[in-house]
Amino acid sequence: MTTVFSSKFYTLYQSDVDRCFYIDFGQKTVKLSFCQLLALRQKVHSISIEDHFDSDMNKHGFEVLMLCNKEHLFLLNTFEILDLMDLVQHSFALLGISSEIPMITS
């Protein structure tokens, strides 16, 4: 397995033999297909981090994240969510499939 990106809490690995990805969440390693990795990116992008700082929107500052058709359930705090966002953004950029549109400057 090849390490794609490692953040403070998580590490993303790519396996050429299994043709899949693995995310080490510390307590658990989750095997993801490419489609499941894309679904994770979509879920991470849909998390409103601003709600974590508003006590009316997210009283306790936790996020429930379900992966792989509800096979895996994670309860993440604000710092872990921010780190997961960083992992997803950098991993997709390093894989060359980033969804961000580069800025064009003159």
N, C-alpha and C. Protein backbone atom coordinates (compact mmCIF):
# COMPACT_ATOMS: atom_id res chain seq x y z
N MET A 1 0.84 -1.19 0.00
CA MET A 1 0.00 0.00 0.00
C MET A 1 0.88 1.24 0.00
N THR A 2 0.41 2.23 -0.72
CA THR A 2 1.11 3.49 -0.83
C THR A 2 0.35 4.55 -0.04
N THR A 3 1.07 5.33 0.75
CA THR A 3 0.45 6.41 1.49
C THR A 3 0.20 7.58 0.53
N VAL A 4 -1.06 7.99 0.42
CA VAL A 4 -1.41 9.12 -0.44
C VAL A 4 -1.23 10.41 0.33
N PHE A 5 -1.82 10.48 1.53
CA PHE A 5 -1.71 11.69 2.35
C PHE A 5 -1.95 11.30 3.80
N SER A 6 -1.24 11.96 4.68
CA SER A 6 -1.41 11.72 6.11
C SER A 6 -1.63 13.07 6.79
N SER A 7 -2.67 13.14 7.61
CA SER A 7 -2.96 14.35 8.37
C SER A 7 -2.76 14.04 9.85
N LYS A 8 -3.17 14.93 10.71
CA LYS A 8 -2.97 14.74 12.15
C LYS A 8 -3.70 13.51 12.67
N PHE A 9 -4.95 13.30 12.24
CA PHE A 9 -5.77 12.21 12.76
C PHE A 9 -5.92 11.04 11.80
N TYR A 10 -5.75 11.26 10.49
CA TYR A 10 -6.10 10.24 9.49
C TYR A 10 -4.98 10.04 8.48
N THR A 11 -5.01 8.86 7.84
CA THR A 11 -4.08 8.55 6.76
C THR A 11 -4.86 7.85 5.65
N LEU A 12 -4.64 8.27 4.41
CA LEU A 12 -5.25 7.64 3.25
C LEU A 12 -4.19 6.84 2.51
N TYR A 13 -4.51 5.56 2.26
CA TYR A 13 -3.62 4.67 1.53
C TYR A 13 -4.29 4.25 0.22
N GLN A 14 -3.45 3.97 -0.78
CA GLN A 14 -3.94 3.44 -2.05
C GLN A 14 -3.29 2.08 -2.27
N SER A 15 -4.11 1.09 -2.57
CA SER A 15 -3.61 -0.25 -2.83
C SER A 15 -3.78 -0.58 -4.31
N ASP A 16 -2.67 -0.80 -4.99
CA ASP A 16 -2.73 -1.17 -6.40
C ASP A 16 -3.15 -2.62 -6.57
N VAL A 17 -2.83 -3.45 -5.60
CA VAL A 17 -3.18 -4.87 -5.67
C VAL A 17 -4.69 -5.05 -5.54
N ASP A 18 -5.29 -4.41 -4.52
CA ASP A 18 -6.73 -4.51 -4.29
C ASP A 18 -7.55 -3.54 -5.12
N ARG A 19 -6.88 -2.56 -5.74
CA ARG A 19 -7.53 -1.51 -6.53
C ARG A 19 -8.58 -0.78 -5.69
N CYS A 20 -8.15 -0.35 -4.49
CA CYS A 20 -9.04 0.37 -3.60
C CYS A 20 -8.22 1.30 -2.71
N PHE A 21 -8.91 2.00 -1.84
CA PHE A 21 -8.29 2.92 -0.92
C PHE A 21 -8.61 2.48 0.51
N TYR A 22 -7.74 2.85 1.43
CA TYR A 22 -7.95 2.59 2.85
C TYR A 22 -7.76 3.90 3.61
N ILE A 23 -8.67 4.17 4.51
CA ILE A 23 -8.51 5.33 5.40
C ILE A 23 -8.35 4.80 6.81
N ASP A 24 -7.24 5.18 7.43
CA ASP A 24 -6.99 4.82 8.82
C ASP A 24 -7.54 5.94 9.69
N PHE A 25 -8.61 5.64 10.42
CA PHE A 25 -9.24 6.60 11.30
C PHE A 25 -8.67 6.54 12.72
N GLY A 26 -7.59 5.85 12.92
CA GLY A 26 -7.01 5.70 14.25
C GLY A 26 -7.51 4.43 14.92
N GLN A 27 -8.80 4.36 15.21
CA GLN A 27 -9.37 3.19 15.86
C GLN A 27 -9.76 2.13 14.84
N LYS A 28 -9.93 2.53 13.59
CA LYS A 28 -10.48 1.62 12.59
C LYS A 28 -9.94 2.00 11.21
N THR A 29 -9.66 0.99 10.41
CA THR A 29 -9.27 1.22 9.02
C THR A 29 -10.42 0.78 8.13
N VAL A 30 -10.81 1.68 7.23
CA VAL A 30 -11.97 1.44 6.37
C VAL A 30 -11.50 1.28 4.93
N LYS A 31 -11.96 0.21 4.29
CA LYS A 31 -11.66 -0.05 2.87
C LYS A 31 -12.72 0.64 2.02
N LEU A 32 -12.27 1.45 1.03
CA LEU A 32 -13.18 2.20 0.18
C LEU A 32 -12.86 1.96 -1.29
N SER A 33 -13.88 1.77 -2.07
CA SER A 33 -13.70 1.77 -3.52
C SER A 33 -13.59 3.24 -3.95
N PHE A 34 -13.27 3.46 -5.21
CA PHE A 34 -13.16 4.83 -5.69
C PHE A 34 -14.51 5.55 -5.59
N CYS A 35 -15.59 4.86 -5.90
CA CYS A 35 -16.93 5.47 -5.80
C CYS A 35 -17.26 5.83 -4.35
N GLN A 36 -16.87 4.99 -3.42
CA GLN A 36 -17.11 5.29 -2.01
C GLN A 36 -16.25 6.45 -1.54
N LEU A 37 -15.05 6.58 -2.10
CA LEU A 37 -14.18 7.72 -1.78
C LEU A 37 -14.80 9.01 -2.31
N LEU A 38 -15.39 8.95 -3.50
CA LEU A 38 -16.09 10.12 -4.04
C LEU A 38 -17.30 10.48 -3.17
N ALA A 39 -18.02 9.47 -2.68
CA ALA A 39 -19.16 9.71 -1.80
C ALA A 39 -18.71 10.34 -0.49
N LEU A 40 -17.56 9.91 0.01
CA LEU A 40 -17.01 10.52 1.23
C LEU A 40 -16.69 11.99 0.98
N ARG A 41 -16.10 12.28 -0.17
CA ARG A 41 -15.79 13.68 -0.50
C ARG A 41 -17.06 14.51 -0.54
N GLN A 42 -18.12 13.97 -1.11
CA GLN A 42 -19.40 14.69 -1.18
C GLN A 42 -19.95 14.94 0.22
N LYS A 43 -19.88 13.94 1.09
CA LYS A 43 -20.37 14.09 2.46
C LYS A 43 -19.56 15.13 3.22
N VAL A 44 -18.25 15.10 3.04
CA VAL A 44 -17.38 16.06 3.74
C VAL A 44 -17.65 17.47 3.24
N HIS A 45 -17.85 17.63 1.94
CA HIS A 45 -18.15 18.96 1.39
C HIS A 45 -19.50 19.49 1.87
N SER A 46 -20.41 18.60 2.19
CA SER A 46 -21.75 19.03 2.61
C SER A 46 -21.83 19.40 4.10
N ILE A 47 -20.78 19.13 4.86
CA ILE A 47 -20.78 19.47 6.29
C ILE A 47 -20.59 20.97 6.43
N SER A 48 -21.47 21.59 7.18
CA SER A 48 -21.36 23.02 7.45
C SER A 48 -20.54 23.22 8.72
N ILE A 49 -19.29 23.60 8.55
CA ILE A 49 -18.40 23.77 9.70
C ILE A 49 -18.82 24.98 10.54
N GLU A 50 -19.51 25.94 9.92
CA GLU A 50 -19.97 27.10 10.66
C GLU A 50 -20.97 26.71 11.75
N ASP A 51 -21.73 25.65 11.50
CA ASP A 51 -22.70 25.18 12.50
C ASP A 51 -22.03 24.67 13.77
N HIS A 52 -20.77 24.25 13.67
CA HIS A 52 -20.06 23.76 14.83
C HIS A 52 -19.71 24.90 15.80
N PHE A 53 -19.72 26.11 15.31
CA PHE A 53 -19.40 27.26 16.16
C PHE A 53 -20.64 28.02 16.59
N ASP A 54 -21.80 27.57 16.18
CA ASP A 54 -23.07 28.17 16.58
C ASP A 54 -23.79 27.18 17.49
N SER A 55 -23.93 27.55 18.75
CA SER A 55 -24.52 26.61 19.72
C SER A 55 -25.98 26.30 19.43
N ASP A 56 -26.67 27.15 18.68
CA ASP A 56 -28.05 26.85 18.33
C ASP A 56 -28.14 25.79 17.23
N MET A 57 -27.17 25.76 16.33
CA MET A 57 -27.20 24.82 15.20
C MET A 57 -26.59 23.46 15.57
N ASN A 58 -25.51 23.47 16.34
CA ASN A 58 -24.84 22.22 16.72
C ASN A 58 -24.39 22.38 18.17
N LYS A 59 -25.25 22.01 19.06
CA LYS A 59 -25.07 22.28 20.48
C LYS A 59 -23.81 21.62 21.06
N HIS A 60 -23.49 20.42 20.64
CA HIS A 60 -22.39 19.69 21.23
C HIS A 60 -21.11 19.70 20.39
N GLY A 61 -21.18 20.15 19.15
CA GLY A 61 -19.99 20.23 18.31
C GLY A 61 -19.53 18.90 17.75
N PHE A 62 -20.46 17.98 17.55
CA PHE A 62 -20.13 16.67 16.98
C PHE A 62 -20.85 16.48 15.66
N GLU A 63 -20.28 15.63 14.83
CA GLU A 63 -20.87 15.30 13.53
C GLU A 63 -20.91 13.78 13.42
N VAL A 64 -22.04 13.26 12.97
CA VAL A 64 -22.16 11.82 12.73
C VAL A 64 -21.90 11.58 11.25
N LEU A 65 -20.96 10.72 10.97
CA LEU A 65 -20.58 10.42 9.59
C LEU A 65 -20.74 8.93 9.35
N MET A 66 -21.56 8.58 8.36
CA MET A 66 -21.77 7.18 7.99
C MET A 66 -21.14 6.93 6.63
N LEU A 67 -20.39 5.84 6.54
CA LEU A 67 -19.68 5.51 5.31
C LEU A 67 -20.09 4.14 4.80
N CYS A 68 -19.88 3.93 3.51
CA CYS A 68 -20.08 2.62 2.86
C CYS A 68 -21.46 2.06 3.12
N ASN A 69 -22.48 2.81 2.70
CA ASN A 69 -23.87 2.37 2.85
C ASN A 69 -24.23 2.04 4.30
N LYS A 70 -23.81 2.92 5.18
CA LYS A 70 -24.10 2.82 6.63
C LYS A 70 -23.44 1.62 7.29
N GLU A 71 -22.37 1.13 6.69
CA GLU A 71 -21.62 0.03 7.27
C GLU A 71 -20.72 0.51 8.40
N HIS A 72 -20.25 1.75 8.29
CA HIS A 72 -19.35 2.33 9.29
C HIS A 72 -19.96 3.63 9.81
N LEU A 73 -19.88 3.82 11.12
CA LEU A 73 -20.42 5.02 11.75
C LEU A 73 -19.33 5.65 12.58
N PHE A 74 -19.14 6.97 12.38
CA PHE A 74 -18.13 7.70 13.13
C PHE A 74 -18.77 8.92 13.77
N LEU A 75 -18.36 9.21 14.99
CA LEU A 75 -18.77 10.41 15.70
C LEU A 75 -17.53 11.28 15.82
N LEU A 76 -17.52 12.39 15.08
CA LEU A 76 -16.33 13.22 14.97
C LEU A 76 -16.57 14.60 15.60
N ASN A 77 -15.55 15.10 16.29
CA ASN A 77 -15.65 16.46 16.83
C ASN A 77 -15.20 17.47 15.78
N THR A 78 -15.24 18.72 16.13
CA THR A 78 -14.93 19.79 15.18
C THR A 78 -13.51 19.68 14.63
N PHE A 79 -12.53 19.40 15.49
CA PHE A 79 -11.15 19.28 15.05
C PHE A 79 -10.97 18.11 14.09
N GLU A 80 -11.64 17.01 14.37
CA GLU A 80 -11.55 15.84 13.49
C GLU A 80 -12.22 16.10 12.15
N ILE A 81 -13.31 16.85 12.15
CA ILE A 81 -13.98 17.22 10.89
C ILE A 81 -13.07 18.10 10.04
N LEU A 82 -12.45 19.10 10.67
CA LEU A 82 -11.54 19.99 9.94
C LEU A 82 -10.37 19.20 9.37
N ASP A 83 -9.86 18.25 10.14
CA ASP A 83 -8.75 17.43 9.67
C ASP A 83 -9.18 16.50 8.53
N LEU A 84 -10.39 15.97 8.61
CA LEU A 84 -10.92 15.12 7.54
C LEU A 84 -11.12 15.94 6.26
N MET A 85 -11.59 17.16 6.39
CA MET A 85 -11.72 18.05 5.23
C MET A 85 -10.36 18.29 4.58
N ASP A 86 -9.34 18.49 5.41
CA ASP A 86 -7.98 18.70 4.91
C ASP A 86 -7.47 17.45 4.21
N LEU A 87 -7.71 16.28 4.79
CA LEU A 87 -7.30 15.02 4.18
C LEU A 87 -7.94 14.82 2.82
N VAL A 88 -9.23 15.05 2.73
CA VAL A 88 -9.95 14.85 1.46
C VAL A 88 -9.45 15.82 0.40
N GLN A 89 -9.31 17.08 0.77
CA GLN A 89 -8.87 18.09 -0.19
C GLN A 89 -7.47 17.78 -0.72
N HIS A 90 -6.53 17.50 0.17
CA HIS A 90 -5.16 17.23 -0.26
C HIS A 90 -5.03 15.89 -0.99
N SER A 91 -5.78 14.90 -0.56
CA SER A 91 -5.69 13.59 -1.21
C SER A 91 -6.17 13.65 -2.65
N PHE A 92 -7.28 14.30 -2.88
CA PHE A 92 -7.78 14.40 -4.25
C PHE A 92 -6.86 15.25 -5.12
N ALA A 93 -6.25 16.27 -4.52
CA ALA A 93 -5.29 17.08 -5.27
C ALA A 93 -4.06 16.26 -5.64
N LEU A 94 -3.57 15.45 -4.70
CA LEU A 94 -2.41 14.62 -4.97
C LEU A 94 -2.70 13.51 -5.96
N LEU A 95 -3.94 13.02 -5.97
CA LEU A 95 -4.34 12.00 -6.94
C LEU A 95 -4.59 12.60 -8.32
N GLY A 96 -4.63 13.93 -8.40
CA GLY A 96 -4.83 14.60 -9.68
C GLY A 96 -6.28 14.66 -10.12
N ILE A 97 -7.21 14.50 -9.18
CA ILE A 97 -8.63 14.53 -9.51
C ILE A 97 -9.37 15.53 -8.63
N SER A 98 -8.71 16.64 -8.38
CA SER A 98 -9.28 17.67 -7.53
C SER A 98 -10.49 18.30 -8.20
N SER A 99 -11.50 18.63 -7.40
CA SER A 99 -12.72 19.21 -7.94
C SER A 99 -12.69 20.73 -7.93
N GLU A 100 -11.65 21.28 -7.35
CA GLU A 100 -11.58 22.74 -7.30
C GLU A 100 -11.13 23.30 -8.64
N ILE A 101 -11.72 24.40 -9.02
CA ILE A 101 -11.38 25.05 -10.27
C ILE A 101 -10.23 26.02 -10.00
N PRO A 102 -9.13 25.87 -10.71
CA PRO A 102 -7.99 26.76 -10.47
C PRO A 102 -8.34 28.20 -10.85
N MET A 103 -7.83 29.13 -10.09
CA MET A 103 -8.07 30.54 -10.37
C MET A 103 -7.18 31.00 -11.51
N ILE A 104 -7.74 31.76 -12.42
CA ILE A 104 -7.00 32.30 -13.54
C ILE A 104 -6.72 33.77 -13.25
N THR A 105 -5.46 34.12 -13.21
CA THR A 105 -5.09 35.51 -12.97
C THR A 105 -4.36 36.06 -14.17
N SER A 106 -4.54 37.34 -14.41
CA SER A 106 -3.89 37.96 -15.57
C SER A 106 -2.67 38.71 -15.16
